[in-house]
Amino acid sequence: MPVDVGAVDHIIQQLKAKITERRQQEHLDFCPRDAHAHHHGIVTAEFTVASDLPAPLRVGLFATPKTYPAYIRFSNAGGEDHDADVDFRGMAIKVLGVEGERALPPLLPEDERTTQDFHLVNCPVFFAENPERMVTFLRIRADIRKARRERRWPRYWRLKIELAQRFPRTLQAGIVWNPLQVAYFSQTPYRWGSESVVKYQARPRRPGWPLSGSSNPIRIVVVEGVAFVCRRIRAVDYLRLAMARMIEQGHDILFDFLIQRQTDPLDMPIDDPTRLWDERRSAFIPVATIRIPARANRDFRSPTQMKLAEDMCFSPWHALQSHAPLGSVNEARREVYRRMAEYRHAKNGVHYTEPTRTVGV
């Protein structure tokens, strides 16, 4: 489906306004990301393609059994600065040394030519059906921020209710204990060669337990019949601390990387990422393993790594043609991600170039 250029431009304008507002309010001396701004850290990893894949699954990056170096950045998807704030959580994977025809031809010398990025969030579905709905979402979010800034609480709660009613998927956001112990999903679909369409999942080998007990960091607030999850006071960066504690135990962290194949175009649409693809009709299939070596990542909180996590650029369009993004939301992301990354790097004086190997840890 063609993407409305006006909607894309409006999304970019809204995101730039959000960044400007945050810089002014927090007196920041740098330009933050528009989304996934608050990161828990970036780690080095090994992305190993399974050796026993059946022939139909041997496509692109997964055509040949091989272990690739990778970076993985964990973050609060909505950019909340306090880790106990209700938010989705993000896992951005950048696999290095991936040769092959690109989804987009490089436009500049520093464009990513040998990387494959995977954008994942700890929710299997997206909150908006299309870019036009994203414009509406961003407008309401901007009004909510303004009402909170002006302490107009009745209007604030009315807008919160409107957002929840018009975008009910946002109510699925919550609290997690540890970014290394939750599953992440691509939400949007991607090519799998010339004949198949898939979604991705990264599933931890050691999943975390549901929140329970008196130390539960959340409370429920009900306003006009709509339940909102609110945080209790915890350490601002408790998710980064949880990652550090797990890595310091000395055990490597493992994720299985899986695909879910589209088996019914009507029930598993490409152009509506708010629709859940039924796992009973198409189960996730493991195709690779992600290993985060504990020894190599003990210093992931160093200033060098923190800056790397801030500067590194991820996009679903950093991809092979055989894994090209599909659907109108991904089409909008192509231009939004590129222009917002250029804007942020220009403001920060960063000349970003494609990584060719993992460094720093």
Protein backbone atom coordinates (compact mmCIF):
# COMPACT_ATOMS: atom_id res chain seq x y z
CA MET A 1 0.00 0.00 0.00
CA PRO A 2 1.45 3.43 -0.94
CA VAL A 3 2.46 5.59 1.98
CA ASP A 4 1.08 9.11 2.36
CA VAL A 5 4.11 11.42 2.07
CA GLY A 6 2.25 14.04 4.07
CA ALA A 7 1.77 11.59 6.93
CA VAL A 8 5.48 10.76 6.94
CA ASP A 9 6.42 14.45 6.99
CA HIS A 10 3.96 15.06 9.82
CA ILE A 11 5.45 12.18 11.83
CA ILE A 12 8.93 13.65 11.39
CA GLN A 13 7.74 17.11 12.44
CA GLN A 14 6.10 15.69 15.55
CA LEU A 15 9.22 13.74 16.49
CA LYS A 16 11.49 16.75 16.03
CA ALA A 17 9.14 18.83 18.19
CA LYS A 18 9.23 16.13 20.86
CA ILE A 19 13.04 16.13 20.87
CA THR A 20 13.21 19.94 21.04
CA GLU A 21 10.74 19.99 23.91
CA ARG A 22 12.70 17.43 25.87
CA ARG A 23 16.02 19.21 25.33
CA GLN A 24 14.56 22.48 26.58
CA GLN A 25 12.84 20.98 29.62
CA GLU A 26 15.79 18.84 30.71
CA HIS A 27 18.50 21.30 29.61
CA LEU A 28 20.22 18.58 27.59
CA ASP A 29 23.44 19.43 25.79
CA PHE A 30 22.85 16.71 23.19
CA CYS A 31 20.05 15.66 20.86
CA PRO A 32 18.40 12.43 22.08
CA ARG A 33 16.61 9.84 19.99
CA ASP A 34 12.96 10.38 19.25
CA ALA A 35 12.15 6.82 20.38
CA HIS A 36 14.10 4.20 22.31
CA ALA A 37 16.01 7.14 23.77
CA HIS A 38 16.62 5.64 27.21
CA HIS A 39 18.86 2.62 26.74
CA HIS A 40 19.91 0.01 29.28
CA GLY A 41 23.12 -0.74 27.45
CA ILE A 42 24.65 -2.16 24.31
CA VAL A 43 26.35 -5.56 24.35
CA THR A 44 28.35 -7.62 21.91
CA ALA A 45 26.95 -10.96 20.86
CA GLU A 46 27.30 -13.91 18.52
CA PHE A 47 24.48 -14.63 16.07
CA THR A 48 24.73 -18.29 14.98
CA VAL A 49 22.62 -19.59 12.11
CA ALA A 50 21.31 -23.10 12.77
CA SER A 51 23.03 -25.91 10.87
CA ASP A 52 19.94 -28.10 10.43
CA LEU A 53 17.49 -25.75 8.71
CA PRO A 54 15.28 -27.34 6.04
CA ALA A 55 15.87 -26.15 2.48
CA PRO A 56 12.91 -23.68 2.36
CA LEU A 57 14.32 -21.80 5.35
CA ARG A 58 17.85 -21.43 3.96
CA VAL A 59 17.41 -17.87 2.79
CA GLY A 60 19.58 -14.75 2.88
CA LEU A 61 21.42 -14.44 6.16
CA PHE A 62 20.20 -17.94 7.04
CA ALA A 63 21.34 -19.65 3.84
CA THR A 64 24.53 -21.05 5.36
CA PRO A 65 25.38 -22.12 8.94
CA LYS A 66 27.69 -19.42 10.27
CA THR A 67 28.41 -17.38 13.39
CA TYR A 68 28.32 -13.60 12.94
CA PRO A 69 29.42 -10.89 15.38
CA ALA A 70 26.59 -8.61 16.49
CA TYR A 71 25.64 -5.65 18.65
CA ILE A 72 22.44 -5.64 20.70
CA ARG A 73 20.97 -2.48 22.23
CA PHE A 74 18.29 -2.79 24.94
CA SER A 75 16.02 0.18 25.63
CA ASN A 76 12.70 1.58 26.80
CA ALA A 77 10.77 1.65 23.53
CA GLY A 78 8.79 4.79 24.29
CA GLY A 79 11.84 6.51 25.71
CA GLU A 80 10.70 6.73 29.35
CA ASP A 81 13.67 7.81 31.47
CA HIS A 82 12.60 5.95 34.60
CA ASP A 83 12.84 2.18 34.17
CA ALA A 84 9.83 1.62 36.41
CA ASP A 85 7.62 3.75 34.18
CA VAL A 86 5.15 1.74 32.14
CA ASP A 87 6.64 1.22 28.70
CA PHE A 88 7.39 -1.34 26.05
CA ARG A 89 11.01 -2.55 25.92
CA GLY A 90 13.17 -2.77 22.83
CA MET A 91 15.86 -5.11 21.57
CA ALA A 92 17.72 -3.86 18.47
CA ILE A 93 20.09 -6.37 16.88
CA LYS A 94 22.79 -5.44 14.38
CA VAL A 95 24.43 -8.45 12.73
CA LEU A 96 27.77 -7.61 11.10
CA GLY A 97 29.52 -8.97 8.02
CA VAL A 98 26.37 -9.90 6.10
CA GLU A 99 27.06 -9.91 2.38
CA GLY A 100 24.39 -9.84 -0.32
CA GLU A 101 21.95 -7.67 -2.26
CA ARG A 102 20.57 -4.88 -0.09
CA ALA A 103 16.92 -3.99 0.49
CA LEU A 104 17.93 -0.40 -0.35
CA PRO A 105 20.93 0.63 -2.45
CA PRO A 106 23.45 2.62 -0.41
CA LEU A 107 23.07 6.35 -1.06
CA LEU A 108 26.20 7.52 0.76
CA PRO A 109 29.64 6.00 1.38
CA GLU A 110 28.85 5.56 5.08
CA ASP A 111 25.54 3.75 4.48
CA GLU A 112 25.28 0.28 5.95
CA ARG A 113 26.35 -2.24 3.31
CA THR A 114 27.08 -5.39 5.31
CA THR A 115 24.71 -5.31 8.29
CA GLN A 116 21.36 -6.91 9.00
CA ASP A 117 19.28 -5.17 11.65
CA PHE A 118 16.34 -6.66 13.53
CA HIS A 119 13.98 -4.29 15.39
CA LEU A 120 12.16 -6.10 18.19
CA VAL A 121 9.82 -5.05 21.02
CA ASN A 122 8.43 -7.10 23.92
CA CYS A 123 4.93 -7.12 22.44
CA PRO A 124 3.91 -9.21 19.41
CA VAL A 125 1.71 -6.50 17.85
CA PHE A 126 2.12 -2.83 16.94
CA PHE A 127 -0.17 -0.13 18.34
CA ALA A 128 -1.17 1.54 15.03
CA GLU A 129 -2.50 0.03 11.81
CA ASN A 130 -0.84 2.51 9.45
CA PRO A 131 1.19 5.77 9.31
CA GLU A 132 -1.96 7.92 9.34
CA ARG A 133 -2.95 6.39 12.67
CA MET A 134 0.58 7.01 13.94
CA VAL A 135 0.06 10.72 13.23
CA THR A 136 -3.05 10.68 15.42
CA PHE A 137 -1.17 8.81 18.16
CA LEU A 138 1.69 11.31 18.17
CA ARG A 139 -0.72 14.25 18.28
CA ILE A 140 -2.52 12.88 21.35
CA ARG A 141 0.80 12.06 23.02
CA ALA A 142 1.98 15.64 22.43
CA ASP A 143 -1.24 16.97 23.98
CA ILE A 144 -0.74 14.68 26.99
CA ARG A 145 2.79 15.98 27.51
CA LYS A 146 1.56 19.55 27.30
CA ALA A 147 -1.26 18.94 29.79
CA ARG A 148 1.18 17.32 32.22
CA ARG A 149 3.68 20.16 31.80
CA GLU A 150 0.93 22.71 32.51
CA ARG A 151 -0.46 20.57 35.37
CA ARG A 152 -3.90 20.53 33.80
CA TRP A 153 -4.76 17.20 35.38
CA PRO A 154 -8.42 16.81 34.29
CA ARG A 155 -7.39 17.36 30.68
CA TYR A 156 -4.37 15.10 31.19
CA TRP A 157 -6.54 12.18 32.30
CA ARG A 158 -9.13 12.80 29.58
CA LEU A 159 -6.39 12.57 26.97
CA LYS A 160 -4.93 9.46 28.61
CA ILE A 161 -8.35 7.82 28.39
CA GLU A 162 -8.74 8.90 24.74
CA LEU A 163 -5.34 7.41 23.90
CA ALA A 164 -6.20 4.13 25.62
CA GLN A 165 -9.56 3.90 23.87
CA ARG A 166 -8.26 4.76 20.41
CA PHE A 167 -5.03 2.75 20.75
CA PRO A 168 -5.88 -0.13 23.12
CA ARG A 169 -2.65 -1.96 22.32
CA THR A 170 -0.79 0.67 24.36
CA LEU A 171 -2.41 -0.77 27.50
CA GLN A 172 -0.31 -3.90 26.99
CA ALA A 173 2.80 -1.96 28.03
CA GLY A 174 4.03 -2.86 31.49
CA ILE A 175 6.97 -3.47 33.78
CA VAL A 176 9.73 -6.07 33.41
CA TRP A 177 12.42 -7.20 35.82
CA ASN A 178 15.28 -7.78 33.42
CA PRO A 179 15.69 -6.98 29.69
CA LEU A 180 17.69 -10.21 29.28
CA GLN A 181 14.77 -12.36 30.42
CA VAL A 182 11.84 -11.33 28.23
CA ALA A 183 10.81 -12.25 24.69
CA TYR A 184 10.90 -9.68 21.88
CA PHE A 185 8.94 -9.57 18.60
CA SER A 186 9.31 -7.78 15.26
CA GLN A 187 5.60 -6.79 15.22
CA THR A 188 5.80 -5.98 11.50
CA PRO A 189 6.37 -8.52 8.68
CA TYR A 190 9.41 -9.14 6.47
CA ARG A 191 10.29 -11.03 3.33
CA TRP A 192 11.75 -14.48 3.65
CA GLY A 193 13.19 -14.91 0.20
CA SER A 194 10.95 -14.40 -2.82
CA GLU A 195 8.02 -16.56 -1.73
CA SER A 196 7.49 -16.29 2.04
CA VAL A 197 6.61 -13.64 4.63
CA VAL A 198 7.61 -13.91 8.30
CA LYS A 199 7.70 -12.19 11.65
CA TYR A 200 10.60 -12.54 14.08
CA GLN A 201 10.97 -13.36 17.74
CA ALA A 202 13.95 -13.48 20.13
CA ARG A 203 13.12 -15.77 23.04
CA PRO A 204 15.36 -16.00 26.14
CA ARG A 205 16.53 -19.40 27.35
CA ARG A 206 16.11 -18.14 30.94
CA PRO A 207 12.81 -16.23 30.98
CA GLY A 208 12.00 -14.00 33.93
CA TRP A 209 9.15 -14.63 36.32
CA PRO A 210 5.92 -12.57 36.36
CA LEU A 211 5.83 -9.70 38.81
CA SER A 212 4.47 -10.74 42.21
CA GLY A 213 4.83 -10.14 45.93
CA SER A 214 5.22 -7.01 48.02
CA SER A 215 8.19 -5.79 45.97
CA ASN A 216 5.98 -5.42 42.90
CA PRO A 217 6.97 -2.02 41.44
CA ILE A 218 3.54 -1.26 39.97
CA ARG A 219 0.12 -0.15 41.12
CA ILE A 220 -3.18 0.07 39.27
CA VAL A 221 -5.09 3.34 38.86
CA VAL A 222 -8.63 3.17 37.44
CA VAL A 223 -10.01 6.34 35.84
CA GLU A 224 -13.50 6.29 34.33
CA GLY A 225 -13.37 2.53 33.92
CA VAL A 226 -9.93 2.46 32.26
CA ALA A 227 -7.15 0.79 34.25
CA PHE A 228 -3.68 2.35 34.05
CA VAL A 229 -0.51 0.73 35.35
CA CYS A 230 1.63 3.17 37.36
CA ARG A 231 5.04 2.69 38.87
CA ARG A 232 6.17 2.62 42.45
CA ILE A 233 9.50 4.26 43.22
CA ARG A 234 12.50 2.17 42.20
CA ALA A 235 15.99 2.92 40.94
CA VAL A 236 15.83 4.99 37.76
CA ASP A 237 18.15 2.56 35.94
CA TYR A 238 17.13 -0.68 37.62
CA LEU A 239 16.94 -2.54 34.28
CA ARG A 240 20.56 -1.64 33.52
CA LEU A 241 21.50 -2.82 37.02
CA ALA A 242 19.59 -6.06 36.48
CA MET A 243 21.54 -6.67 33.26
CA ALA A 244 24.82 -5.98 35.06
CA ARG A 245 24.00 -8.39 37.90
CA MET A 246 23.12 -11.16 35.46
CA ILE A 247 26.28 -10.63 33.40
CA GLU A 248 28.42 -10.50 36.54
CA GLN A 249 27.23 -14.00 37.45
CA GLY A 250 29.52 -15.17 34.65
CA HIS A 251 26.97 -17.21 32.69
CA ASP A 252 26.49 -16.45 29.01
CA ILE A 253 23.00 -15.21 28.09
CA LEU A 254 21.23 -17.15 25.36
CA PHE A 255 18.29 -16.27 23.14
CA ASP A 256 16.68 -18.39 20.45
CA PHE A 257 15.91 -16.44 17.28
CA LEU A 258 12.72 -17.65 15.62
CA ILE A 259 10.48 -16.95 12.63
CA GLN A 260 6.71 -17.24 12.24
CA ARG A 261 5.64 -17.88 8.64
CA GLN A 262 2.54 -16.35 7.12
CA THR A 263 0.18 -19.24 6.26
CA ASP A 264 -3.04 -17.28 5.62
CA PRO A 265 -2.90 -13.78 4.06
CA LEU A 266 -6.37 -12.92 5.39
CA ASP A 267 -5.82 -13.89 9.02
CA MET A 268 -2.14 -12.91 8.93
CA PRO A 269 -2.21 -9.60 7.01
CA ILE A 270 0.92 -7.78 5.92
CA ASP A 271 -0.54 -4.29 6.19
CA ASP A 272 -2.10 -4.36 9.68
CA PRO A 273 0.57 -4.97 12.35
CA THR A 274 -2.05 -4.65 15.12
CA ARG A 275 -3.36 -8.10 14.12
CA LEU A 276 -1.84 -11.00 16.04
CA TRP A 277 -0.70 -13.94 13.93
CA ASP A 278 -2.12 -17.05 15.59
CA GLU A 279 0.67 -19.35 16.79
CA ARG A 280 -1.74 -22.31 16.67
CA ARG A 281 -1.87 -21.88 12.90
CA SER A 282 1.81 -21.07 12.47
CA ALA A 283 4.21 -21.83 15.29
CA PHE A 284 7.50 -19.98 15.69
CA ILE A 285 10.44 -21.94 14.26
CA PRO A 286 13.99 -21.55 15.66
CA VAL A 287 16.48 -20.55 12.98
CA ALA A 288 19.43 -19.14 14.97
CA THR A 289 20.91 -18.71 18.42
CA ILE A 290 22.07 -15.48 20.03
CA ARG A 291 24.83 -15.73 22.64
CA ILE A 292 25.81 -12.74 24.78
CA PRO A 293 29.18 -13.69 26.33
CA ALA A 294 29.32 -12.64 29.97
CA ARG A 295 33.10 -12.26 30.05
CA ALA A 296 33.19 -9.98 27.01
CA ASN A 297 30.44 -7.72 28.34
CA ARG A 298 31.42 -7.08 31.95
CA ASP A 299 32.26 -3.48 31.05
CA PHE A 300 29.14 -2.74 29.01
CA ARG A 301 28.37 0.26 31.28
CA SER A 302 31.67 2.01 30.51
CA PRO A 303 31.54 5.58 29.11
CA THR A 304 32.74 4.27 25.74
CA GLN A 305 29.90 1.75 25.54
CA MET A 306 27.32 4.26 26.77
CA LYS A 307 28.32 6.62 23.96
CA LEU A 308 28.24 3.80 21.44
CA ALA A 309 24.70 2.94 22.56
CA GLU A 310 23.76 6.59 22.08
CA ASP A 311 25.34 7.01 18.64
CA MET A 312 24.65 3.69 16.94
CA CYS A 313 21.96 3.74 14.27
CA PHE A 314 19.44 0.94 13.75
CA SER A 315 16.84 0.58 11.01
CA PRO A 316 14.73 -2.31 9.69
CA TRP A 317 15.91 -1.15 6.25
CA HIS A 318 19.50 -2.08 7.07
CA ALA A 319 18.69 -5.46 5.55
CA LEU A 320 19.23 -7.87 2.72
CA GLN A 321 16.70 -7.79 -0.09
CA SER A 322 15.67 -11.32 0.92
CA HIS A 323 14.65 -9.95 4.36
CA ALA A 324 13.20 -6.62 3.17
CA PRO A 325 10.57 -4.95 5.41
CA LEU A 326 6.95 -5.13 4.26
CA GLY A 327 3.79 -3.10 4.87
CA SER A 328 2.97 0.60 5.11
CA VAL A 329 4.33 1.03 8.65
CA ASN A 330 7.72 -0.25 7.53
CA GLU A 331 7.53 1.91 4.40
CA ALA A 332 7.05 4.95 6.60
CA ARG A 333 9.91 3.85 8.85
CA ARG A 334 12.28 3.87 5.88
CA GLU A 335 12.17 7.64 5.53
CA VAL A 336 11.44 8.49 9.17
CA TYR A 337 14.36 6.48 10.54
CA ARG A 338 16.79 7.82 7.94
CA ARG A 339 15.86 11.48 8.36
CA MET A 340 15.67 11.34 12.15
CA ALA A 341 19.08 9.63 12.38
CA GLU A 342 20.59 12.28 10.09
CA TYR A 343 18.97 15.03 12.17
CA ARG A 344 20.22 13.60 15.47
CA HIS A 345 23.76 12.96 14.25
CA ALA A 346 24.00 16.44 12.70
CA LYS A 347 22.83 18.08 15.94
CA ASN A 348 25.32 16.03 17.96
CA GLY A 349 28.22 16.52 15.57
CA VAL A 350 28.51 12.77 15.03
CA HIS A 351 29.81 11.40 11.74
CA TYR A 352 28.29 7.96 11.90
CA THR A 353 29.79 5.14 9.86
CA GLU A 354 28.74 1.54 9.56
CA PRO A 355 30.39 -0.79 12.11
CA THR A 356 32.33 -3.66 10.56
CA ARG A 357 33.36 -5.40 13.75
CA THR A 358 32.45 -5.35 17.43
CA VAL A 359 34.73 -3.23 19.59
CA GLY A 360 34.96 -1.79 23.05
CA VAL A 361 34.02 -4.71 25.32
